[in-house]
Amino acid sequence: MSGINGSRHDRGFTLIELVISMVVVSIALGGVLMVMNYTVQHSADPMLQHQAVAIAEAYLEEAMLRSFTDPDGVDGETARDLLDDVDDYNGLNDVGARDQEGTAIAGLEAYTISVAVAGTALNGISAANCKKMTVTVSHPGGINLTLSGHRTNY
C-alpha cells in the first residue's frame, strides 16, 4: 500500500541517472554521425575513379592509333588536331579532359592529364621499334591514376 509520499516502487529516475544516459546517447550519436559524414564525403570516389580510368583509356587509345613514325615528315606538332604520330603526344598536358580536336569536355574540368612517350625495349623488340606511352590522370579529390601501353613499329 502506498502512502502520501509514495512507495519505493513508484520512484522515477534521479538527475544523475538522466545526465549519464544523455552522455551515453550523445557519444553513440556522435559516432554514428562521424561514420555518416565519412560515407557522404567519399561517396563520389568510385565515380571519380571510373572517370579517371575512362579519360586515361581515351588518351592512350588516341595516341596508340597514331602512326609510329611521322607520316608527313614534320615532327613536333603541338595543336591537338594536328598530332599525327606517337611522339607528338610526348609532353601533352591538359587541364581538363579534351577530345581529339582539343575541345574541352564539360564536367571533366577538374582532371589534369599528362602524357609521356619514350622508346623502350620490350620482349626482344629494340627501343628503336617500341615506344611506351604513359598517361597520368589526377583529380583534386585524391585520384592519381597511371595507365601505360606500348606501340611497336609494325
N, C-alpha and C. Protein backbone atom coordinates (compact mmCIF):
# COMPACT_ATOMS: atom_id res chain seq x y z
N MET A 1 0.84 -1.16 0.00
CA MET A 1 0.00 0.00 0.00
C MET A 1 0.89 1.23 0.00
N SER A 2 0.58 2.19 -0.86
CA SER A 2 1.41 3.38 -0.91
C SER A 2 0.80 4.49 -0.09
N GLY A 3 1.71 5.22 0.49
CA GLY A 3 1.29 6.35 1.30
C GLY A 3 1.31 7.63 0.50
N ILE A 4 1.22 8.73 1.18
CA ILE A 4 1.18 10.04 0.53
C ILE A 4 2.49 10.32 -0.19
N ASN A 5 3.60 9.93 0.37
CA ASN A 5 4.91 10.18 -0.25
C ASN A 5 5.27 9.13 -1.29
N GLY A 6 4.48 8.13 -1.52
CA GLY A 6 4.73 7.07 -2.49
C GLY A 6 5.57 5.98 -1.88
N SER A 7 5.54 4.84 -2.51
CA SER A 7 6.34 3.74 -2.01
C SER A 7 7.65 3.66 -2.78
N ARG A 8 8.47 2.72 -2.43
CA ARG A 8 9.76 2.52 -3.08
C ARG A 8 9.61 2.16 -4.54
N HIS A 9 8.53 1.54 -4.92
CA HIS A 9 8.36 1.06 -6.28
C HIS A 9 7.85 2.13 -7.22
N ASP A 10 7.45 3.26 -6.76
CA ASP A 10 6.92 4.32 -7.61
C ASP A 10 7.97 5.37 -7.95
N ARG A 11 9.23 5.11 -7.66
CA ARG A 11 10.29 6.08 -7.90
C ARG A 11 10.57 6.27 -9.38
N GLY A 12 11.02 7.46 -9.81
CA GLY A 12 11.43 7.74 -11.17
C GLY A 12 12.95 7.70 -11.25
N PHE A 13 13.51 8.37 -12.27
CA PHE A 13 14.96 8.44 -12.44
C PHE A 13 15.52 9.59 -11.63
N THR A 14 16.73 9.41 -11.17
CA THR A 14 17.40 10.51 -10.48
C THR A 14 18.06 11.41 -11.52
N LEU A 15 18.43 12.59 -11.13
CA LEU A 15 19.08 13.54 -12.03
C LEU A 15 20.40 12.98 -12.54
N ILE A 16 21.14 12.30 -11.72
CA ILE A 16 22.43 11.73 -12.12
C ILE A 16 22.22 10.65 -13.19
N GLU A 17 21.21 9.81 -13.02
CA GLU A 17 20.92 8.77 -13.99
C GLU A 17 20.53 9.38 -15.34
N LEU A 18 19.75 10.45 -15.33
CA LEU A 18 19.37 11.12 -16.57
C LEU A 18 20.58 11.74 -17.27
N VAL A 19 21.46 12.38 -16.53
CA VAL A 19 22.65 13.00 -17.13
C VAL A 19 23.56 11.93 -17.73
N ILE A 20 23.77 10.84 -17.03
CA ILE A 20 24.63 9.75 -17.54
C ILE A 20 24.03 9.15 -18.81
N SER A 21 22.71 8.93 -18.81
CA SER A 21 22.10 8.36 -20.02
C SER A 21 22.19 9.34 -21.19
N MET A 22 22.08 10.64 -20.96
CA MET A 22 22.22 11.62 -22.04
C MET A 22 23.65 11.64 -22.57
N VAL A 23 24.64 11.49 -21.71
CA VAL A 23 26.05 11.45 -22.15
C VAL A 23 26.29 10.21 -23.01
N VAL A 24 25.79 9.06 -22.59
CA VAL A 24 25.97 7.82 -23.34
C VAL A 24 25.32 7.93 -24.72
N VAL A 25 24.09 8.44 -24.78
CA VAL A 25 23.40 8.60 -26.05
C VAL A 25 24.13 9.60 -26.94
N SER A 26 24.65 10.68 -26.37
CA SER A 26 25.39 11.68 -27.15
C SER A 26 26.66 11.09 -27.76
N ILE A 27 27.38 10.29 -27.01
CA ILE A 27 28.60 9.66 -27.52
C ILE A 27 28.25 8.70 -28.66
N ALA A 28 27.21 7.91 -28.49
CA ALA A 28 26.80 6.96 -29.53
C ALA A 28 26.35 7.71 -30.79
N LEU A 29 25.59 8.77 -30.61
CA LEU A 29 25.10 9.55 -31.74
C LEU A 29 26.27 10.23 -32.47
N GLY A 30 27.25 10.71 -31.72
CA GLY A 30 28.44 11.31 -32.33
C GLY A 30 29.18 10.31 -33.21
N GLY A 31 29.32 9.09 -32.75
CA GLY A 31 29.99 8.06 -33.55
C GLY A 31 29.24 7.74 -34.82
N VAL A 32 27.93 7.64 -34.73
CA VAL A 32 27.11 7.36 -35.91
C VAL A 32 27.22 8.51 -36.90
N LEU A 33 27.19 9.74 -36.43
CA LEU A 33 27.30 10.90 -37.32
C LEU A 33 28.67 10.98 -37.98
N MET A 34 29.73 10.59 -37.28
CA MET A 34 31.07 10.58 -37.88
C MET A 34 31.14 9.57 -39.03
N VAL A 35 30.55 8.40 -38.84
CA VAL A 35 30.53 7.39 -39.89
C VAL A 35 29.72 7.88 -41.08
N MET A 36 28.59 8.50 -40.85
CA MET A 36 27.78 9.03 -41.94
C MET A 36 28.52 10.13 -42.69
N ASN A 37 29.21 11.00 -41.96
CA ASN A 37 29.97 12.09 -42.58
C ASN A 37 31.07 11.53 -43.48
N TYR A 38 31.80 10.53 -43.02
CA TYR A 38 32.85 9.90 -43.82
C TYR A 38 32.26 9.27 -45.08
N THR A 39 31.14 8.58 -44.92
CA THR A 39 30.49 7.92 -46.06
C THR A 39 30.05 8.93 -47.10
N VAL A 40 29.47 10.03 -46.67
CA VAL A 40 29.00 11.05 -47.60
C VAL A 40 30.18 11.71 -48.31
N GLN A 41 31.26 11.99 -47.59
CA GLN A 41 32.43 12.63 -48.19
C GLN A 41 33.06 11.76 -49.28
N HIS A 42 33.03 10.46 -49.11
CA HIS A 42 33.70 9.56 -50.05
C HIS A 42 32.74 8.82 -50.98
N SER A 43 31.50 9.23 -51.03
CA SER A 43 30.53 8.52 -51.86
C SER A 43 30.80 8.70 -53.35
N ALA A 44 31.46 9.79 -53.75
CA ALA A 44 31.74 10.04 -55.17
C ALA A 44 33.06 9.43 -55.63
N ASP A 45 33.86 8.89 -54.72
CA ASP A 45 35.17 8.35 -55.10
C ASP A 45 35.10 7.30 -56.21
N PRO A 46 34.19 6.33 -56.18
CA PRO A 46 34.14 5.36 -57.27
C PRO A 46 33.84 6.02 -58.63
N MET A 47 32.99 7.03 -58.63
CA MET A 47 32.68 7.71 -59.88
C MET A 47 33.91 8.46 -60.41
N LEU A 48 34.63 9.15 -59.52
CA LEU A 48 35.84 9.86 -59.93
C LEU A 48 36.89 8.90 -60.46
N GLN A 49 37.04 7.75 -59.81
CA GLN A 49 38.00 6.75 -60.25
C GLN A 49 37.60 6.20 -61.62
N HIS A 50 36.33 5.93 -61.82
CA HIS A 50 35.86 5.41 -63.10
C HIS A 50 36.07 6.45 -64.21
N GLN A 51 35.79 7.71 -63.92
CA GLN A 51 36.02 8.77 -64.91
C GLN A 51 37.50 8.87 -65.25
N ALA A 52 38.37 8.78 -64.25
CA ALA A 52 39.81 8.87 -64.49
C ALA A 52 40.28 7.73 -65.38
N VAL A 53 39.78 6.53 -65.15
CA VAL A 53 40.15 5.38 -65.99
C VAL A 53 39.67 5.60 -67.42
N ALA A 54 38.45 6.08 -67.59
CA ALA A 54 37.91 6.31 -68.93
C ALA A 54 38.72 7.38 -69.66
N ILE A 55 39.11 8.44 -68.96
CA ILE A 55 39.92 9.50 -69.57
C ILE A 55 41.28 8.95 -69.99
N ALA A 56 41.93 8.21 -69.09
CA ALA A 56 43.25 7.65 -69.40
C ALA A 56 43.16 6.70 -70.59
N GLU A 57 42.15 5.85 -70.62
CA GLU A 57 41.98 4.93 -71.74
C GLU A 57 41.76 5.68 -73.05
N ALA A 58 40.98 6.75 -73.02
CA ALA A 58 40.71 7.52 -74.23
C ALA A 58 41.98 8.17 -74.77
N TYR A 59 42.76 8.79 -73.88
CA TYR A 59 44.01 9.43 -74.32
C TYR A 59 45.00 8.38 -74.84
N LEU A 60 45.11 7.25 -74.13
CA LEU A 60 46.04 6.21 -74.55
C LEU A 60 45.63 5.63 -75.90
N GLU A 61 44.35 5.36 -76.06
CA GLU A 61 43.88 4.81 -77.34
C GLU A 61 44.10 5.81 -78.48
N GLU A 62 43.82 7.07 -78.21
CA GLU A 62 44.04 8.10 -79.24
C GLU A 62 45.49 8.12 -79.70
N ALA A 63 46.42 8.10 -78.75
CA ALA A 63 47.84 8.14 -79.10
C ALA A 63 48.29 6.86 -79.79
N MET A 64 47.81 5.71 -79.32
CA MET A 64 48.26 4.45 -79.89
C MET A 64 47.73 4.21 -81.30
N LEU A 65 46.66 4.88 -81.67
CA LEU A 65 46.12 4.73 -83.02
C LEU A 65 46.87 5.57 -84.05
N ARG A 66 47.75 6.44 -83.57
CA ARG A 66 48.54 7.27 -84.49
C ARG A 66 49.69 6.45 -85.06
N SER A 67 50.28 6.98 -86.11
CA SER A 67 51.40 6.33 -86.77
C SER A 67 52.61 6.25 -85.84
N PHE A 68 53.42 5.21 -86.01
CA PHE A 68 54.64 5.08 -85.20
C PHE A 68 55.65 6.16 -85.57
N THR A 69 55.80 6.42 -86.86
CA THR A 69 56.70 7.47 -87.33
C THR A 69 55.86 8.57 -87.97
N ASP A 70 56.44 9.74 -88.07
CA ASP A 70 55.70 10.88 -88.60
C ASP A 70 55.39 10.70 -90.09
N PRO A 71 54.11 10.67 -90.47
CA PRO A 71 53.76 10.42 -91.87
C PRO A 71 54.04 11.59 -92.82
N ASP A 72 54.02 12.82 -92.29
CA ASP A 72 54.23 13.97 -93.17
C ASP A 72 55.65 14.53 -93.10
N GLY A 73 56.50 13.91 -92.29
CA GLY A 73 57.89 14.35 -92.18
C GLY A 73 58.08 15.58 -91.31
N VAL A 74 57.02 16.16 -90.80
CA VAL A 74 57.10 17.31 -89.91
C VAL A 74 56.84 16.81 -88.50
N ASP A 75 57.87 16.83 -87.68
CA ASP A 75 57.73 16.30 -86.33
C ASP A 75 57.52 17.44 -85.35
N GLY A 76 56.87 17.17 -84.27
CA GLY A 76 56.72 18.15 -83.19
C GLY A 76 55.48 19.01 -83.31
N GLU A 77 54.42 18.52 -83.96
CA GLU A 77 53.17 19.27 -83.99
C GLU A 77 52.67 19.45 -82.56
N THR A 78 52.07 20.61 -82.30
CA THR A 78 51.60 20.88 -80.94
C THR A 78 50.10 21.05 -80.86
N ALA A 79 49.44 21.44 -81.95
CA ALA A 79 47.98 21.57 -81.92
C ALA A 79 47.37 20.18 -81.86
N ARG A 80 46.43 20.01 -80.99
CA ARG A 80 45.87 18.68 -80.72
C ARG A 80 45.33 18.02 -81.99
N ASP A 81 44.68 18.77 -82.85
CA ASP A 81 44.11 18.17 -84.05
C ASP A 81 45.16 17.86 -85.12
N LEU A 82 46.42 18.29 -84.91
CA LEU A 82 47.49 18.01 -85.87
C LEU A 82 48.43 16.89 -85.41
N LEU A 83 48.23 16.37 -84.20
CA LEU A 83 49.09 15.31 -83.70
C LEU A 83 48.89 14.07 -84.57
N ASP A 84 49.95 13.68 -85.32
CA ASP A 84 49.77 12.59 -86.29
C ASP A 84 50.67 11.40 -86.05
N ASP A 85 51.53 11.46 -85.02
CA ASP A 85 52.34 10.29 -84.68
C ASP A 85 52.49 10.20 -83.17
N VAL A 86 52.93 9.04 -82.74
CA VAL A 86 53.02 8.75 -81.30
C VAL A 86 53.89 9.77 -80.57
N ASP A 87 55.02 10.14 -81.14
CA ASP A 87 55.94 11.06 -80.47
C ASP A 87 55.34 12.45 -80.24
N ASP A 88 54.39 12.85 -81.06
CA ASP A 88 53.78 14.17 -80.89
C ASP A 88 53.04 14.29 -79.56
N TYR A 89 52.64 13.18 -78.98
CA TYR A 89 51.91 13.20 -77.71
C TYR A 89 52.83 13.37 -76.50
N ASN A 90 54.13 13.19 -76.70
CA ASN A 90 55.06 13.33 -75.58
C ASN A 90 55.00 14.76 -75.04
N GLY A 91 54.77 14.87 -73.75
CA GLY A 91 54.71 16.18 -73.10
C GLY A 91 53.35 16.84 -73.16
N LEU A 92 52.35 16.15 -73.69
CA LEU A 92 51.00 16.71 -73.73
C LEU A 92 50.48 16.86 -72.30
N ASN A 93 50.03 18.04 -71.95
CA ASN A 93 49.46 18.32 -70.63
C ASN A 93 48.15 19.06 -70.83
N ASP A 94 47.09 18.50 -70.33
CA ASP A 94 45.77 19.13 -70.42
C ASP A 94 45.22 19.33 -69.01
N VAL A 95 44.71 20.53 -68.76
CA VAL A 95 43.96 20.77 -67.53
C VAL A 95 42.50 20.73 -67.94
N GLY A 96 41.85 19.68 -67.55
CA GLY A 96 40.51 19.38 -68.04
C GLY A 96 40.62 18.44 -69.22
N ALA A 97 39.81 17.40 -69.21
CA ALA A 97 39.86 16.42 -70.30
C ALA A 97 39.37 17.06 -71.59
N ARG A 98 40.00 16.67 -72.69
CA ARG A 98 39.67 17.22 -74.01
C ARG A 98 39.50 16.08 -75.01
N ASP A 99 38.73 16.37 -76.06
CA ASP A 99 38.56 15.37 -77.11
C ASP A 99 39.73 15.46 -78.09
N GLN A 100 39.68 14.68 -79.17
CA GLN A 100 40.78 14.60 -80.13
C GLN A 100 41.05 15.91 -80.84
N GLU A 101 40.06 16.78 -80.93
CA GLU A 101 40.27 18.07 -81.58
C GLU A 101 40.72 19.15 -80.60
N GLY A 102 40.78 18.81 -79.30
CA GLY A 102 41.22 19.77 -78.30
C GLY A 102 40.08 20.50 -77.62
N THR A 103 38.85 20.12 -77.90
CA THR A 103 37.69 20.76 -77.29
C THR A 103 37.49 20.21 -75.88
N ALA A 104 37.30 21.12 -74.91
CA ALA A 104 37.09 20.70 -73.53
C ALA A 104 35.81 19.90 -73.39
N ILE A 105 35.85 18.89 -72.55
CA ILE A 105 34.68 18.05 -72.29
C ILE A 105 34.03 18.56 -71.01
N ALA A 106 32.77 18.97 -71.12
CA ALA A 106 32.04 19.54 -69.99
C ALA A 106 31.94 18.54 -68.84
N GLY A 107 32.15 19.03 -67.64
CA GLY A 107 32.04 18.20 -66.44
C GLY A 107 33.34 17.53 -66.03
N LEU A 108 34.37 17.60 -66.88
CA LEU A 108 35.65 16.94 -66.57
C LEU A 108 36.78 17.95 -66.44
N GLU A 109 36.43 19.18 -66.05
CA GLU A 109 37.41 20.26 -65.95
C GLU A 109 38.41 20.09 -64.81
N ALA A 110 38.06 19.33 -63.80
CA ALA A 110 38.93 19.20 -62.62
C ALA A 110 40.08 18.21 -62.81
N TYR A 111 40.05 17.44 -63.88
CA TYR A 111 41.09 16.44 -64.12
C TYR A 111 42.29 17.08 -64.80
N THR A 112 43.48 16.60 -64.45
CA THR A 112 44.72 17.01 -65.11
C THR A 112 45.31 15.77 -65.76
N ILE A 113 45.63 15.91 -67.05
CA ILE A 113 46.12 14.77 -67.82
C ILE A 113 47.49 15.09 -68.39
N SER A 114 48.42 14.17 -68.25
CA SER A 114 49.75 14.34 -68.87
C SER A 114 50.13 13.04 -69.56
N VAL A 115 50.85 13.19 -70.68
CA VAL A 115 51.26 12.04 -71.48
C VAL A 115 52.77 12.08 -71.66
N ALA A 116 53.41 10.94 -71.49
CA ALA A 116 54.85 10.81 -71.73
C ALA A 116 55.06 9.65 -72.70
N VAL A 117 55.95 9.85 -73.66
CA VAL A 117 56.28 8.81 -74.64
C VAL A 117 57.79 8.63 -74.65
N ALA A 118 58.24 7.39 -74.55
CA ALA A 118 59.68 7.12 -74.55
C ALA A 118 59.94 5.78 -75.23
N GLY A 119 61.07 5.71 -75.94
CA GLY A 119 61.48 4.44 -76.54
C GLY A 119 61.86 3.47 -75.45
N THR A 120 61.44 2.21 -75.59
CA THR A 120 61.75 1.20 -74.58
C THR A 120 61.82 -0.17 -75.24
N ALA A 121 62.71 -0.99 -74.74
CA ALA A 121 62.81 -2.36 -75.25
C ALA A 121 61.70 -3.20 -74.61
N LEU A 122 61.15 -4.12 -75.41
CA LEU A 122 60.06 -4.94 -74.91
C LEU A 122 60.13 -6.32 -75.55
N ASN A 123 60.38 -7.35 -74.75
CA ASN A 123 60.38 -8.73 -75.21
C ASN A 123 61.17 -8.95 -76.50
N GLY A 124 62.36 -8.45 -76.52
CA GLY A 124 63.23 -8.64 -77.68
C GLY A 124 63.06 -7.60 -78.77
N ILE A 125 62.12 -6.69 -78.63
CA ILE A 125 61.95 -5.60 -79.59
C ILE A 125 62.81 -4.44 -79.10
N SER A 126 63.62 -3.90 -79.99
CA SER A 126 64.54 -2.84 -79.59
C SER A 126 63.78 -1.55 -79.26
N ALA A 127 64.43 -0.68 -78.50
CA ALA A 127 63.84 0.60 -78.13
C ALA A 127 63.57 1.47 -79.35
N ALA A 128 64.29 1.23 -80.45
CA ALA A 128 64.05 2.00 -81.67
C ALA A 128 62.72 1.61 -82.33
N ASN A 129 62.23 0.42 -82.02
CA ASN A 129 60.98 -0.05 -82.63
C ASN A 129 59.83 -0.22 -81.65
N CYS A 130 60.00 0.29 -80.45
CA CYS A 130 58.93 0.18 -79.44
C CYS A 130 58.90 1.45 -78.59
N LYS A 131 57.71 1.99 -78.40
CA LYS A 131 57.54 3.19 -77.57
C LYS A 131 56.51 2.92 -76.49
N LYS A 132 56.88 3.34 -75.31
CA LYS A 132 55.96 3.20 -74.17
C LYS A 132 55.28 4.54 -73.94
N MET A 133 53.95 4.51 -73.92
CA MET A 133 53.17 5.71 -73.64
C MET A 133 52.58 5.58 -72.24
N THR A 134 52.75 6.62 -71.46
CA THR A 134 52.23 6.63 -70.10
C THR A 134 51.31 7.83 -69.95
N VAL A 135 50.06 7.57 -69.59
CA VAL A 135 49.07 8.62 -69.38
C VAL A 135 48.80 8.69 -67.88
N THR A 136 48.95 9.88 -67.32
CA THR A 136 48.69 10.10 -65.90
C THR A 136 47.50 11.04 -65.77
N VAL A 137 46.50 10.62 -65.01
CA VAL A 137 45.30 11.42 -64.77
C VAL A 137 45.19 11.66 -63.27
N SER A 138 45.02 12.92 -62.90
CA SER A 138 44.86 13.23 -61.47
C SER A 138 43.66 14.13 -61.26
N HIS A 139 43.14 14.08 -60.05
CA HIS A 139 41.97 14.86 -59.65
C HIS A 139 42.20 15.36 -58.23
N PRO A 140 41.78 16.58 -57.91
CA PRO A 140 41.99 17.11 -56.55
C PRO A 140 41.34 16.26 -55.46
N GLY A 141 40.40 15.40 -55.81
CA GLY A 141 39.74 14.55 -54.83
C GLY A 141 40.58 13.37 -54.39
N GLY A 142 41.87 13.35 -54.74
CA GLY A 142 42.76 12.29 -54.29
C GLY A 142 42.98 11.20 -55.33
N ILE A 143 42.51 11.39 -56.53
CA ILE A 143 42.70 10.39 -57.59
C ILE A 143 44.01 10.67 -58.30
N ASN A 144 44.84 9.65 -58.45
CA ASN A 144 46.09 9.75 -59.21
C ASN A 144 46.29 8.41 -59.90
N LEU A 145 46.01 8.37 -61.20
CA LEU A 145 45.98 7.13 -61.95
C LEU A 145 47.00 7.19 -63.08
N THR A 146 47.74 6.10 -63.27
CA THR A 146 48.69 5.99 -64.37
C THR A 146 48.35 4.76 -65.19
N LEU A 147 48.27 4.96 -66.51
CA LEU A 147 47.97 3.88 -67.44
C LEU A 147 49.03 3.89 -68.53
N SER A 148 49.58 2.72 -68.84
CA SER A 148 50.66 2.64 -69.84
C SER A 148 50.30 1.65 -70.94
N GLY A 149 50.90 1.88 -72.10
CA GLY A 149 50.73 0.97 -73.21
C GLY A 149 51.97 1.06 -74.11
N HIS A 150 52.16 0.05 -74.92
CA HIS A 150 53.32 0.01 -75.82
C HIS A 150 52.83 0.04 -77.26
N ARG A 151 53.56 0.77 -78.09
CA ARG A 151 53.28 0.83 -79.54
C ARG A 151 54.54 0.42 -80.25
N THR A 152 54.41 -0.57 -81.13
CA THR A 152 55.59 -1.04 -81.88
C THR A 152 55.48 -0.61 -83.32
N ASN A 153 56.62 -0.63 -83.98
CA ASN A 153 56.70 -0.28 -85.39
C ASN A 153 56.46 -1.56 -86.19
N TYR A 154 55.24 -1.78 -86.60
CA TYR A 154 54.90 -3.00 -87.33
C TYR A 154 54.53 -2.69 -88.76
